[in-house]
C-alpha atoms as a PDB file:
ATOM      1  CA  MET A   1     131.423  73.164  99.024  1.00  0.00           C
ATOM      2  CA  ILE A   2     129.909  71.946  95.753  1.00  0.00           C
ATOM      3  CA  PRO A   3     130.461  68.202  95.088  1.00  0.00           C
ATOM      4  CA  ARG A   4     132.461  67.682  91.877  1.00  0.00           C
ATOM      5  CA  GLU A   5     129.770  65.539  90.251  1.00  0.00           C
ATOM      6  CA  TYR A   6     127.302  68.429  90.528  1.00  0.00           C
ATOM      7  CA  LEU A   7     129.654  71.262  89.560  1.00  0.00           C
ATOM      8  CA  VAL A   8     128.910  71.379  85.813  1.00  0.00           C
ATOM      9  CA  MET A   9     125.122  71.255  86.316  1.00  0.00           C
ATOM     10  CA  TYR A  10     125.348  73.820  89.100  1.00  0.00           C
ATOM     11  CA  LEU A  11     127.332  76.324  87.042  1.00  0.00           C
ATOM     12  CA  GLY A  12     125.249  75.654  83.939  1.00  0.00           C
ATOM     13  CA  ALA A  13     121.951  76.246  85.744  1.00  0.00           C
ATOM     14  CA  ASN A  14     123.102  79.555  87.185  1.00  0.00           C
ATOM     15  CA  LEU A  15     124.581  80.779  83.897  1.00  0.00           C
ATOM     16  CA  ILE A  16     121.312  79.957  82.142  1.00  0.00           C
ATOM     17  CA  ALA A  17     119.339  81.772  84.857  1.00  0.00           C
ATOM     18  CA  LEU A  18     121.521  84.864  84.400  1.00  0.00           C
ATOM     19  CA  ALA A  19     121.007  84.702  80.636  1.00  0.00           C
ATOM     20  CA  VAL A  20     117.233  84.481  81.099  1.00  0.00           C
ATOM     21  CA  LEU A  21     117.391  87.458  83.476  1.00  0.00           C
ATOM     22  CA  GLY A  22     119.038  89.389  80.645  1.00  0.00           C
ATOM     23  CA  PHE A  23     116.327  88.269  78.207  1.00  0.00           C
ATOM     24  CA  ALA A  24     113.688  89.376  80.723  1.00  0.00           C
ATOM     25  CA  PHE A  25     114.910  92.963  80.231  1.00  0.00           C
ATOM     26  CA  TRP A  26     115.493  92.708  76.490  1.00  0.00           C
ATOM     27  CA  ARG A  27     113.023  90.089  75.201  1.00  0.00           C
ATOM     28  CA  PRO A  28     110.520  89.330  77.989  1.00  0.00           C
ATOM     29  CA  GLN A  29     108.452  87.010  75.775  1.00  0.00           C
ATOM     30  CA  VAL A  30     111.499  84.779  75.303  1.00  0.00           C
ATOM     31  CA  ALA A  31     111.983  84.628  79.087  1.00  0.00           C
ATOM     32  CA  ARG A  32     108.295  83.880  79.570  1.00  0.00           C
ATOM     33  CA  TRP A  33     108.209  80.878  77.209  1.00  0.00           C
ATOM     34  CA  PHE A  34     111.502  79.607  78.591  1.00  0.00           C
ATOM     35  CA  TRP A  35     109.981  79.398  82.064  1.00  0.00           C
ATOM     36  CA  VAL A  36     106.816  77.821  80.691  1.00  0.00           C
ATOM     37  CA  ALA A  37     108.976  75.121  79.080  1.00  0.00           C
ATOM     38  CA  ILE A  38     111.067  74.661  82.238  1.00  0.00           C
ATOM     39  CA  PHE A  39     108.032  74.129  84.469  1.00  0.00           C
ATOM     40  CA  VAL A  40     106.425  71.721  81.961  1.00  0.00           C
ATOM     41  CA  TRP A  41     109.710  69.811  81.793  1.00  0.00           C
ATOM     42  CA  ALA A  42     110.090  69.778  85.588  1.00  0.00           C
ATOM     43  CA  ALA A  43     106.519  68.527  86.054  1.00  0.00           C
ATOM     44  CA  SER A  44     107.085  65.747  83.509  1.00  0.00           C
ATOM     45  CA  VAL A  45     110.430  64.657  84.954  1.00  0.00           C
ATOM     46  CA  ASN A  46     109.124  64.662  88.517  1.00  0.00           C
ATOM     47  CA  THR A  47     106.063  62.616  87.511  1.00  0.00           C
ATOM     48  CA  LEU A  48     108.117  59.967  85.703  1.00  0.00           C
ATOM     49  CA  THR A  49     110.830  59.839  88.369  1.00  0.00           C
ATOM     50  CA  ALA A  50     108.356  59.607  91.261  1.00  0.00           C
ATOM     51  CA  ALA A  51     106.620  56.737  89.502  1.00  0.00           C
ATOM     52  CA  SER A  52     109.752  54.748  88.624  1.00  0.00           C
ATOM     53  CA  GLN A  53     112.614  55.760  90.959  1.00  0.00           C
ATOM     54  CA  PRO A  54     111.214  57.686  93.938  1.00  0.00           C
ATOM     55  CA  TRP A  55     114.215  56.909  96.162  1.00  0.00           C
ATOM     56  CA  VAL A  56     116.504  59.240  94.148  1.00  0.00           C
ATOM     57  CA  TYR A  57     114.928  62.245  95.894  1.00  0.00           C
ATOM     58  CA  LEU A  58     116.467  61.157  99.202  1.00  0.00           C
ATOM     59  CA  ALA A  59     119.839  62.339  97.867  1.00  0.00           C
ATOM     60  CA  TYR A  60     118.724  65.931  98.406  1.00  0.00           C
ATOM     61  CA  GLY A  61     119.050  65.335 102.154  1.00  0.00           C
ATOM     62  CA  GLY A  62     122.802  65.136 101.782  1.00  0.00           C
ATOM     63  CA  LEU A  63     123.005  68.376  99.789  1.00  0.00           C
ATOM     64  CA  THR A  64     120.976  70.781 101.904  1.00  0.00           C
ATOM     65  CA  PRO A  65     122.673  72.889 104.584  1.00  0.00           C
ATOM     66  CA  SER A  66     119.330  73.152 106.386  1.00  0.00           C
ATOM     67  CA  THR A  67     118.842  70.838 109.362  1.00  0.00           C
ATOM     68  CA  VAL A  68     115.079  71.294 109.096  1.00  0.00           C
ATOM     69  CA  TYR A  69     115.030  70.184 105.455  1.00  0.00           C
ATOM     70  CA  ARG A  70     117.456  67.320 106.134  1.00  0.00           C
ATOM     71  CA  ASP A  71     115.297  65.963 108.958  1.00  0.00           C
ATOM     72  CA  PHE A  72     112.145  66.364 106.853  1.00  0.00           C
ATOM     73  CA  ILE A  73     113.659  64.438 103.922  1.00  0.00           C
ATOM     74  CA  ALA A  74     114.936  61.643 106.185  1.00  0.00           C
ATOM     75  CA  GLY A  75     111.661  61.529 108.105  1.00  0.00           C
ATOM     76  CA  TRP A  76     108.137  62.147 106.807  1.00  0.00           C
ATOM     77  CA  PHE A  77     109.201  62.682 103.199  1.00  0.00           C
ATOM     78  CA  SER A  78     111.016  59.321 102.999  1.00  0.00           C
ATOM     79  CA  VAL A  79     107.761  57.396 103.485  1.00  0.00           C
ATOM     80  CA  HIS A  80     105.543  59.697 101.351  1.00  0.00           C
ATOM     81  CA  ILE A  81     107.859  60.423  98.414  1.00  0.00           C
ATOM     82  CA  GLN A  82     105.458  59.692  95.579  1.00  0.00           C
ATOM     83  CA  THR A  83     102.519  61.594  97.063  1.00  0.00           C
ATOM     84  CA  PHE A  84     104.643  64.650  97.853  1.00  0.00           C
ATOM     85  CA  VAL A  85     106.544  64.784  94.554  1.00  0.00           C
ATOM     86  CA  LEU A  86     103.439  64.183  92.430  1.00  0.00           C
ATOM     87  CA  SER A  87     101.679  67.071  94.208  1.00  0.00           C
ATOM     88  CA  ILE A  88     104.698  69.256  93.380  1.00  0.00           C
ATOM     89  CA  ALA A  89     104.479  68.121  89.737  1.00  0.00           C
ATOM     90  CA  VAL A  90     100.806  69.144  89.603  1.00  0.00           C
ATOM     91  CA  GLY A  91     101.705  72.553  91.033  1.00  0.00           C
ATOM     92  CA  GLN A  92     104.519  72.974  88.499  1.00  0.00           C
ATOM     93  CA  MET A  93     102.168  72.197  85.622  1.00  0.00           C
ATOM     94  CA  MET A  94      99.624  74.714  86.961  1.00  0.00           C
ATOM     95  CA  ILE A  95     102.381  77.345  87.146  1.00  0.00           C
ATOM     96  CA  ALA A  96     103.314  76.615  83.516  1.00  0.00           C
ATOM     97  CA  ILE A  97      99.690  76.995  82.403  1.00  0.00           C
ATOM     98  CA  LEU A  98      99.300  80.290  84.250  1.00  0.00           C
ATOM     99  CA  LEU A  99     102.589  81.667  82.888  1.00  0.00           C
ATOM    100  CA  ALA A 100     101.402  80.814  79.366  1.00  0.00           C
ATOM    101  CA  ARG A 101      98.334  82.992  79.794  1.00  0.00           C
ATOM    102  CA  SER A 102      98.114  86.775  80.011  1.00  0.00           C
ATOM    103  CA  GLY A 103      97.129  89.469  82.471  1.00  0.00           C
ATOM    104  CA  ASP A 104      96.289  88.497  86.036  1.00  0.00           C
ATOM    105  CA  ALA A 105      96.586  84.767  85.274  1.00  0.00           C
ATOM    106  CA  ARG A 106     100.256  85.191  84.322  1.00  0.00           C
ATOM    107  CA  TRP A 107     100.812  87.304  87.425  1.00  0.00           C
ATOM    108  CA  LEU A 108      99.395  84.507  89.600  1.00  0.00           C
ATOM    109  CA  GLY A 109     101.783  82.143  87.806  1.00  0.00           C
ATOM    110  CA  VAL A 110     104.706  84.394  88.755  1.00  0.00           C
ATOM    111  CA  ILE A 111     103.542  84.374  92.378  1.00  0.00           C
ATOM    112  CA  GLY A 112     103.227  80.579  92.337  1.00  0.00           C
ATOM    113  CA  ALA A 113     106.682  80.199  90.806  1.00  0.00           C
ATOM    114  CA  THR A 114     108.128  82.602  93.385  1.00  0.00           C
ATOM    115  CA  ILE A 115     106.670  80.600  96.276  1.00  0.00           C
ATOM    116  CA  PHE A 116     107.983  77.339  94.808  1.00  0.00           C
ATOM    117  CA  LEU A 117     111.469  78.710  94.107  1.00  0.00           C
ATOM    118  CA  LEU A 118     111.743  80.213  97.590  1.00  0.00           C
ATOM    119  CA  ALA A 119     110.684  76.866  99.060  1.00  0.00           C
ATOM    120  CA  ILE A 120     113.454  74.949  97.266  1.00  0.00           C
ATOM    121  CA  ALA A 121     116.181  77.551  97.929  1.00  0.00           C
ATOM    122  CA  PRO A 122     117.203  75.933 101.288  1.00  0.00           C
ATOM    123  CA  LEU A 123     118.097  72.746  99.375  1.00  0.00           C
ATOM    124  CA  GLY A 124     121.346  74.534  98.568  1.00  0.00           C
ATOM    125  CA  VAL A 125     123.322  72.754  95.856  1.00  0.00           C
ATOM    126  CA  GLY A 126     120.318  70.505  95.268  1.00  0.00           C
ATOM    127  CA  SER A 127     118.380  73.497  93.902  1.00  0.00           C
ATOM    128  CA  GLY A 128     121.421  75.185  92.351  1.00  0.00           C
ATOM    129  CA  PHE A 129     121.315  78.058  94.854  1.00  0.00           C
ATOM    130  CA  PRO A 130     121.310  80.965  94.039  1.00  0.00           C
ATOM    131  CA  PHE A 131     119.576  79.754  90.853  1.00  0.00           C
ATOM    132  CA  SER A 132     116.145  80.123  92.451  1.00  0.00           C
ATOM    133  CA  LEU A 133     116.744  83.755  93.446  1.00  0.00           C
ATOM    134  CA  ILE A 134     117.994  84.676  89.967  1.00  0.00           C
ATOM    135  CA  ALA A 135     114.984  82.893  88.462  1.00  0.00           C
ATOM    136  CA  ILE A 136     112.608  84.847  90.714  1.00  0.00           C
ATOM    137  CA  ALA A 137     114.243  88.129  89.704  1.00  0.00           C
ATOM    138  CA  SER A 138     113.949  87.240  86.006  1.00  0.00           C
ATOM    139  CA  MET A 139     110.244  86.415  86.309  1.00  0.00           C
ATOM    140  CA  TRP A 140     109.407  89.659  88.117  1.00  0.00           C
ATOM    141  CA  VAL A 141     111.359  91.686  85.561  1.00  0.00           C
ATOM    142  CA  MET A 142     109.623  89.707  82.802  1.00  0.00           C
ATOM    143  CA  GLU A 143     106.192  90.355  84.315  1.00  0.00           C
ATOM    144  CA  ARG A 144     106.857  94.066  84.636  1.00  0.00           C
ATOM    145  CA  ARG A 145     108.092  94.301  81.032  1.00  0.00           C
ATOM    146  CA  LEU A 146     105.100  92.352  79.719  1.00  0.00           C
ATOM    147  CA  ARG A 147     102.530  94.524  81.469  1.00  0.00           C
ATOM    148  CA  PRO A 148     100.886  96.756  78.836  1.00  0.00           C
ATOM    149  CA  VAL A 149     101.555 100.448  79.176  1.00  0.00           C
ATOM    150  CA  PRO A 150      98.152 102.096  79.442  1.00  0.00           C
ATOM    151  CA  VAL A 151      97.363 104.270  76.454  1.00  0.00           C
ATOM    152  CA  HIS A 152      94.842 106.444  78.271  1.00  0.00           C
ATOM    153  CA  ALA A 153      95.897 109.825  79.633  1.00  0.00           C
ATOM    154  CA  SER A 154      96.566 109.063  83.279  1.00  0.00           C
ATOM    155  CA  PRO A 155      95.712 111.874  85.716  1.00  0.00           C
ATOM    156  CA  ALA A 156      98.635 110.648  87.867  1.00  0.00           C
ATOM    157  CA  ALA A 157     101.151 111.588  85.149  1.00  0.00           C
ATOM    158  CA  ALA A 158     100.777 115.265  85.984  1.00  0.00           C
ATOM    159  CA  PHE A 159     102.329 114.610  89.402  1.00  0.00           C
ATOM    160  CA  ILE A 160     104.809 111.786  88.671  1.00  0.00           C
ATOM    161  CA  PRO A 161     105.550 111.714  84.929  1.00  0.00           C
ATOM    162  CA  ARG A 162     108.531 109.327  85.166  1.00  0.00           C
ATOM    163  CA  PRO A 163     107.912 106.878  88.025  1.00  0.00           C
ATOM    164  CA  ASP A 164     110.485 104.526  89.506  1.00  0.00           C
ATOM    165  CA  VAL A 165     107.680 102.045  90.183  1.00  0.00           C
ATOM    166  CA  PHE A 166     104.485 101.823  88.172  1.00  0.00           C
ATOM    167  CA  ASP A 167     101.523  99.526  88.855  1.00  0.00           C
ATOM    168  CA  HIS A 168      98.274  99.454  86.888  1.00  0.00           C
ATOM    169  CA  HIS A 169      95.105  97.349  87.252  1.00  0.00           C
ATOM    170  CA  GLN A 170      91.776  97.569  85.470  1.00  0.00           C
ATOM    171  CA  ILE A 171      88.495  95.709  85.279  1.00  0.00           C
ATOM    172  CA  ASP A 172      85.316  96.033  83.211  1.00  0.00           C
ATOM    173  CA  ILE A 173      82.080  96.217  85.192  1.00  0.00           C
ATOM    174  CA  ALA A 174      78.543  95.963  83.851  1.00  0.00           C
ATOM    175  CA  ALA A 175      77.269  99.028  85.725  1.00  0.00           C
ATOM    176  CA  PRO A 176      77.094 102.809  85.115  1.00  0.00           C
ATOM    177  CA  ALA A 177      80.299 104.782  85.675  1.00  0.00           C
ATOM    178  CA  ASP A 178      78.761 107.116  88.258  1.00  0.00           C
ATOM    179  CA  LEU A 179      77.666 104.177  90.391  1.00  0.00           C
ATOM    180  CA  VAL A 180      81.002 102.348  90.032  1.00  0.00           C
ATOM    181  CA  PHE A 181      82.949 105.450  91.039  1.00  0.00           C
ATOM    182  CA  PHE A 182      80.647 106.039  94.014  1.00  0.00           C
ATOM    183  CA  ASP A 183      81.176 102.466  95.252  1.00  0.00           C
ATOM    184  CA  ALA A 184      84.931 102.670  94.620  1.00  0.00           C
ATOM    185  CA  THR A 185      85.385 105.694  96.880  1.00  0.00           C
ATOM    186  CA  ARG A 186      83.522 103.885  99.658  1.00  0.00           C
ATOM    187  CA  LEU A 187      85.348 100.560  99.559  1.00  0.00           C
ATOM    188  CA  ASP A 188      86.347  99.293 102.995  1.00  0.00           C
ATOM    189  CA  LEU A 189      89.843  97.797 102.955  1.00  0.00           C
ATOM    190  CA  GLN A 190      89.403  96.168 106.359  1.00  0.00           C
ATOM    191  CA  SER A 191      86.278  94.305 105.256  1.00  0.00           C
ATOM    192  CA  LEU A 192      88.375  91.848 103.207  1.00  0.00           C
ATOM    193  CA  LEU A 193      90.028  89.028 105.138  1.00  0.00           C
ATOM    194  CA  VAL A 194      92.931  88.726 102.703  1.00  0.00           C
ATOM    195  CA  VAL A 195      93.684  92.459 103.033  1.00  0.00           C
ATOM    196  CA  ARG A 196      93.565  92.351 106.836  1.00  0.00           C
ATOM    197  CA  THR A 197      95.886  89.332 106.762  1.00  0.00           C
ATOM    198  CA  ILE A 198      98.418  91.051 104.497  1.00  0.00           C
ATOM    199  CA  PHE A 199      98.353  94.159 106.707  1.00  0.00           C
ATOM    200  CA  ARG A 200      98.931  92.017 109.804  1.00  0.00           C
ATOM    201  CA  VAL A 201     101.829  90.147 108.173  1.00  0.00           C
ATOM    202  CA  ARG A 202     103.450  93.416 107.092  1.00  0.00           C
ATOM    203  CA  ALA A 203     103.014  94.870 110.588  1.00  0.00           C
ATOM    204  CA  TRP A 204     104.573  91.758 112.131  1.00  0.00           C
ATOM    205  CA  LEU A 205     107.532  91.774 109.719  1.00  0.00           C
ATOM    206  CA  MET A 206     108.142  95.505 110.167  1.00  0.00           C
ATOM    207  CA  GLY A 207     107.641  95.469 113.926  1.00  0.00           C
ATOM    208  CA  ASP A 208     104.804  98.005 113.768  1.00  0.00           C
ATOM    209  CA  ARG A 209     102.633  98.550 116.806  1.00  0.00           C
ATOM    210  CA  PHE A 210      99.161  97.174 116.325  1.00  0.00           C
ATOM    211  CA  GLU A 211      96.336  99.678 116.167  1.00  0.00           C
ATOM    212  CA  PRO A 212      92.708  98.497 116.215  1.00  0.00           C
ATOM    213  CA  PRO A 213      90.875  99.281 112.965  1.00  0.00           C
ATOM    214  CA  ARG A 214      88.972 102.553 112.837  1.00  0.00           C
ATOM    215  CA  LYS A 215      85.329 102.817 111.932  1.00  0.00           C
ATOM    216  CA  PRO A 216      85.360 102.494 108.131  1.00  0.00           C
ATOM    217  CA  LEU A 217      84.717 105.721 106.236  1.00  0.00           C
ATOM    218  CA  GLY A 218      85.514 104.502 102.735  1.00  0.00           C
ATOM    219  CA  ILE A 219      88.926 104.140 101.101  1.00  0.00           C
ATOM    220  CA  VAL A 220      89.330 107.834 100.181  1.00  0.00           C
ATOM    221  CA  ALA A 221      88.331 109.196 103.589  1.00  0.00           C
ATOM    222  CA  ASP A 222      90.330 106.493 105.396  1.00  0.00           C
ATOM    223  CA  MET A 223      93.469 107.402 103.435  1.00  0.00           C
ATOM    224  CA  MET A 224      93.009 111.110 104.130  1.00  0.00           C
ATOM    225  CA  VAL A 225      92.841 110.360 107.853  1.00  0.00           C
ATOM    226  CA  LEU A 226      96.215 108.582 107.486  1.00  0.00           C
ATOM    227  CA  GLY A 227      97.789 111.642 105.844  1.00  0.00           C
ATOM    228  CA  TRP A 228      97.142 111.220 102.119  1.00  0.00           C
ATOM    229  CA  GLY A 229      96.227 114.401 100.273  1.00  0.00           C
ATOM    230  CA  LEU A 230      93.714 114.989  97.503  1.00  0.00           C
ATOM    231  CA  LEU A 231      95.667 116.081  94.417  1.00  0.00           C
ATOM    232  CA  GLU A 232      92.973 116.091  91.742  1.00  0.00           C
ATOM    233  CA  HIS A 233      89.300 115.239  91.483  1.00  0.00           C
ATOM    234  CA  THR A 234      86.986 115.012  88.490  1.00  0.00           C
ATOM    235  CA  PRO A 235      83.506 114.378  89.888  1.00  0.00           C
ATOM    236  CA  CYS A 236      82.227 110.845  89.278  1.00  0.00           C
ATOM    237  CA  ARG A 237      85.194 110.037  87.023  1.00  0.00           C
ATOM    238  CA  SER A 238      88.586 110.173  88.741  1.00  0.00           C
ATOM    239  CA  ILE A 239      90.448 110.991  91.899  1.00  0.00           C
ATOM    240  CA  VAL A 240      94.200 111.291  92.511  1.00  0.00           C
ATOM    241  CA  MET A 241      95.650 110.871  96.004  1.00  0.00           C
ATOM    242  CA  GLY A 242      99.254 111.529  96.951  1.00  0.00           C
ATOM    243  CA  ALA A 243     101.678 111.604  99.853  1.00  0.00           C
ATOM    244  CA  ALA A 244     105.354 111.498 100.743  1.00  0.00           C
ATOM    245  CA  ALA A 245     106.524 108.639 102.953  1.00  0.00           C
ATOM    246  CA  ARG A 246     109.270 106.256 103.991  1.00  0.00           C
ATOM    247  CA  PRO A 247     107.433 102.902 103.671  1.00  0.00           C
ATOM    248  CA  TRP A 248     110.500 100.905 104.732  1.00  0.00           C
ATOM    249  CA  THR A 249     110.367 102.333 108.281  1.00  0.00           C
ATOM    250  CA  ARG A 250     108.399 101.104 111.269  1.00  0.00           C
ATOM    251  CA  ASN A 251     104.990 102.701 111.888  1.00  0.00           C
ATOM    252  CA  VAL A 252     105.165 104.511 108.551  1.00  0.00           C
ATOM    253  CA  THR A 253     103.727 108.029 108.457  1.00  0.00           C
ATOM    254  CA  PHE A 254     102.248 109.601 105.329  1.00  0.00           C
ATOM    255  CA  HIS A 255     102.883 113.307 104.838  1.00  0.00           C
ATOM    256  CA  THR A 256     100.496 115.506 102.890  1.00  0.00           C
ATOM    257  CA  VAL A 257     102.224 117.614 100.236  1.00  0.00           C
ATOM    258  CA  PRO A 258     100.416 120.662  98.808  1.00  0.00           C
ATOM    259  CA  VAL A 259      99.194 120.155  95.249  1.00  0.00           C
ATOM    260  CA  ASP A 260     101.321 122.984  93.808  1.00  0.00           C
ATOM    261  CA  GLN A 261     104.460 121.604  95.499  1.00  0.00           C
ATOM    262  CA  PHE A 262     103.992 117.891  94.902  1.00  0.00           C
ATOM    263  CA  ARG A 263     105.882 117.567  91.638  1.00  0.00           C
ATOM    264  CA  SER A 264     108.850 119.619  92.901  1.00  0.00           C
ATOM    265  CA  PHE A 265     108.968 118.007  96.371  1.00  0.00           C
ATOM    266  CA  ALA A 266     112.533 116.736  96.846  1.00  0.00           C
ATOM    267  CA  GLU A 267     113.163 116.283 100.577  1.00  0.00           C
ATOM    268  CA  SER A 268     115.873 113.637 100.955  1.00  0.00           C
ATOM    269  CA  ASP A 269     115.165 109.998 101.808  1.00  0.00           C
ATOM    270  CA  TYR A 270     111.493 110.051 100.777  1.00  0.00           C
ATOM    271  CA  VAL A 271     109.382 108.548  98.056  1.00  0.00           C
ATOM    272  CA  LYS A 272     106.407 110.352  96.570  1.00  0.00           C
ATOM    273  CA  ILE A 273     103.425 108.085  95.932  1.00  0.00           C
ATOM    274  CA  VAL A 274     100.277 108.774  93.941  1.00  0.00           C
ATOM    275  CA  TRP A 275      97.378 106.437  93.278  1.00  0.00           C
ATOM    276  CA  THR A 276      94.190 106.856  91.324  1.00  0.00           C
ATOM    277  CA  LEU A 277      90.622 105.662  91.119  1.00  0.00           C
ATOM    278  CA  GLU A 278      89.258 106.103  87.578  1.00  0.00           C
ATOM    279  CA  ALA A 279      85.898 105.209  86.047  1.00  0.00           C
ATOM    280  CA  GLU A 280      85.679 105.373  82.244  1.00  0.00           C
ATOM    281  CA  PRO A 281      82.190 104.958  80.748  1.00  0.00           C
ATOM    282  CA  LEU A 282      82.078 102.367  77.955  1.00  0.00           C
ATOM    283  CA  GLY A 283      78.340 102.808  77.536  1.00  0.00           C
ATOM    284  CA  ALA A 284      75.270 103.587  79.576  1.00  0.00           C
ATOM    285  CA  GLU A 285      75.712 100.481  81.735  1.00  0.00           C
ATOM    286  CA  ARG A 286      79.338  99.462  81.319  1.00  0.00           C
ATOM    287  CA  THR A 287      82.468 100.908  82.927  1.00  0.00           C
ATOM    288  CA  ARG A 288      86.199 100.329  82.707  1.00  0.00           C
ATOM    289  CA  PHE A 289      87.565 100.960  86.175  1.00  0.00           C
ATOM    290  CA  ARG A 290      91.275 101.580  86.691  1.00  0.00           C
ATOM    291  CA  THR A 291      93.570 102.073  89.601  1.00  0.00           C
ATOM    292  CA  GLU A 292      97.126 103.195  89.036  1.00  0.00           C
ATOM    293  CA  THR A 293     100.037 103.648  91.441  1.00  0.00           C
ATOM    294  CA  ARG A 294     103.190 105.638  90.718  1.00  0.00           C
ATOM    295  CA  VAL A 295     106.208 105.976  92.987  1.00  0.00           C
ATOM    296  CA  GLU A 296     109.160 108.339  92.609  1.00  0.00           C
ATOM    297  CA  ALA A 297     112.133 108.533  94.954  1.00  0.00           C
ATOM    298  CA  THR A 298     113.629 111.892  95.869  1.00  0.00           C
ATOM    299  CA  ASP A 299     117.210 110.572  95.883  1.00  0.00           C
ATOM    300  CA  ALA A 300     119.300 107.454  95.231  1.00  0.00           C
ATOM    301  CA  ALA A 301     119.223 106.297  98.873  1.00  0.00           C
ATOM    302  CA  ALA A 302     115.424 106.363  98.973  1.00  0.00           C
ATOM    303  CA  ARG A 303     115.266 104.613  95.586  1.00  0.00           C
ATOM    304  CA  ARG A 304     117.508 101.811  96.879  1.00  0.00           C
ATOM    305  CA  LYS A 305     115.511 101.368 100.102  1.00  0.00           C
ATOM    306  CA  PHE A 306     112.194 101.361  98.295  1.00  0.00           C
ATOM    307  CA  PHE A 307     113.497  98.844  95.767  1.00  0.00           C
ATOM    308  CA  TRP A 308     114.080  96.257  98.524  1.00  0.00           C
ATOM    309  CA  TYR A 309     110.807  97.172 100.219  1.00  0.00           C
ATOM    310  CA  TRP A 310     108.925  96.611  96.942  1.00  0.00           C
ATOM    311  CA  MET A 311     110.735  93.324  96.348  1.00  0.00           C
ATOM    312  CA  VAL A 312     109.436  92.051  99.696  1.00  0.00           C
ATOM    313  CA  PHE A 313     105.974  93.610  99.860  1.00  0.00           C
ATOM    314  CA  GLY A 314     105.158  94.321  96.217  1.00  0.00           C
ATOM    315  CA  VAL A 315     103.412  90.972  95.760  1.00  0.00           C
ATOM    316  CA  GLY A 316     101.098  91.633  98.686  1.00  0.00           C
ATOM    317  CA  ILE A 317     100.356  95.188  97.549  1.00  0.00           C
ATOM    318  CA  ARG A 318      99.440  94.038  94.050  1.00  0.00           C
ATOM    319  CA  PHE A 319      97.328  91.221  95.476  1.00  0.00           C
ATOM    320  CA  ILE A 320      95.411  93.799  97.534  1.00  0.00           C
ATOM    321  CA  ARG A 321      94.716  95.819  94.371  1.00  0.00           C
ATOM    322  CA  TRP A 322      93.552  92.684  92.559  1.00  0.00           C
ATOM    323  CA  ASN A 323      91.181  91.751  95.384  1.00  0.00           C
ATOM    324  CA  LEU A 324      89.822  95.281  95.684  1.00  0.00           C
ATOM    325  CA  LEU A 325      88.832  95.333  92.022  1.00  0.00           C
ATOM    326  CA  ARG A 326      86.947  92.043  92.414  1.00  0.00           C
ATOM    327  CA  GLU A 327      85.236  93.346  95.529  1.00  0.00           C
ATOM    328  CA  LEU A 328      84.311  96.562  93.711  1.00  0.00           C
ATOM    329  CA  ARG A 329      82.781  94.604  90.849  1.00  0.00           C
ATOM    330  CA  ARG A 330      80.761  92.504  93.278  1.00  0.00           C
ATOM    331  CA  LYS A 331      79.461  95.567  95.134  1.00  0.00           C
ATOM    332  CA  ALA A 332      78.761  97.604  92.007  1.00  0.00           C
ATOM    333  CA  LEU A 333      76.852  94.780  90.319  1.00  0.00           C
ATOM    334  CA  ARG A 334      74.745  94.230  93.429  1.00  0.00           C
ATOM    335  CA  HIS A 335      74.170  97.975  93.834  1.00  0.00           C
ATOM    336  CA  HIS A 336      73.172  98.302  90.163  1.00  0.00           C
ATOM    337  CA  ARG A 337      70.830  95.319  90.380  1.00  0.00           C
ATOM    338  CA  ASP A 338      69.150  96.666  93.523  1.00  0.00           C
ATOM    339  CA  TRP A 339      68.814 100.135  92.012  1.00  0.00           C
ATOM    340  CA  THR A 340      67.295  98.685  88.816  1.00  0.00           C
ATOM    341  CA  LEU A 341      64.785  96.557  90.749  1.00  0.00           C
ATOM    342  CA  ARG A 342      63.718  99.590  92.829  1.00  0.00           C
ATOM    343  CA  ALA A 343      63.249 101.624  89.673  1.00  0.00           C
ATOM    344  CA  ILE A 344      61.103  98.880  88.123  1.00  0.00           C
ATOM    345  CA  HIS A 345      58.955  98.574  91.248  1.00  0.00           C
ATOM    346  CA  ARG A 346      58.575 102.360  91.467  1.00  0.00           C
ATOM    347  CA  HIS A 347      57.212 102.531  87.930  1.00  0.00           C
ATOM    348  CA  ALA A 348      55.150  99.336  88.115  1.00  0.00           C
END
């Protein structure tokens, strides 16, 4: 039951959130700057309130339906109000700064905002629930709409021309394209702690049985062992991998689909997934490396299931891509430096 004194603010907050969700589809830049302004405002209000009237935050204890939150507010929080709220204000300002930027910085801002909004959701009326969930949806729609559509001819488009889900990442690396592509195909997913952690969390949430990691063969060979098929390969420039799967199931299995049947594959309750590794030379010693993922459902039921799967795990999947590109740059730069030094010594 919503207390009468909060009813107008509660309804107003949720109506505004719904309006911003609409703008996220239609005018994503408007939604973006709205959330920047909201987080700047929230940081300012929390800073001033914590400094002058910190006790007002104790009222949230009477609004939350969560016993855990109620006990926390009445306990530890009640004697550390200023420290806790000021740290939240700093986080809110950082989120605003990240949302105001572009590319991966804005994406990190969306992740930060999502974590914050999920954390305040159990406050119930105190956070305008379901305001936080609507706000999260608007920011993810906004982020997707703001992502630039790549203008290059993607090799994945031949297999999934109209994807239900599209994800694209790129990075410039000061190394030759041949070397970058070589290192990309031999990346070891399990060598990165953050990737292993995300895999473990997904396995725990899905109830998968744990399998000890195999001896690393490189990302392409590792994926082929799991069932991914090679759809297209341009030596030293690009590779396209694809499979059909039901990622929302426990102990997911990837099914290889023949190249000539991939585009027409339509078995019910599946999604087709393709991903690429692409190295575009920008000069003798500079490369633009891309990785692109496209997903297409074979029917409405699979599309609905994958939508909820992506809502839960999409953040982690994109974070893995982001980390892999940074790891590739680190390896390629080191490889290029070592190769250059050997060449100098050989001709000295």
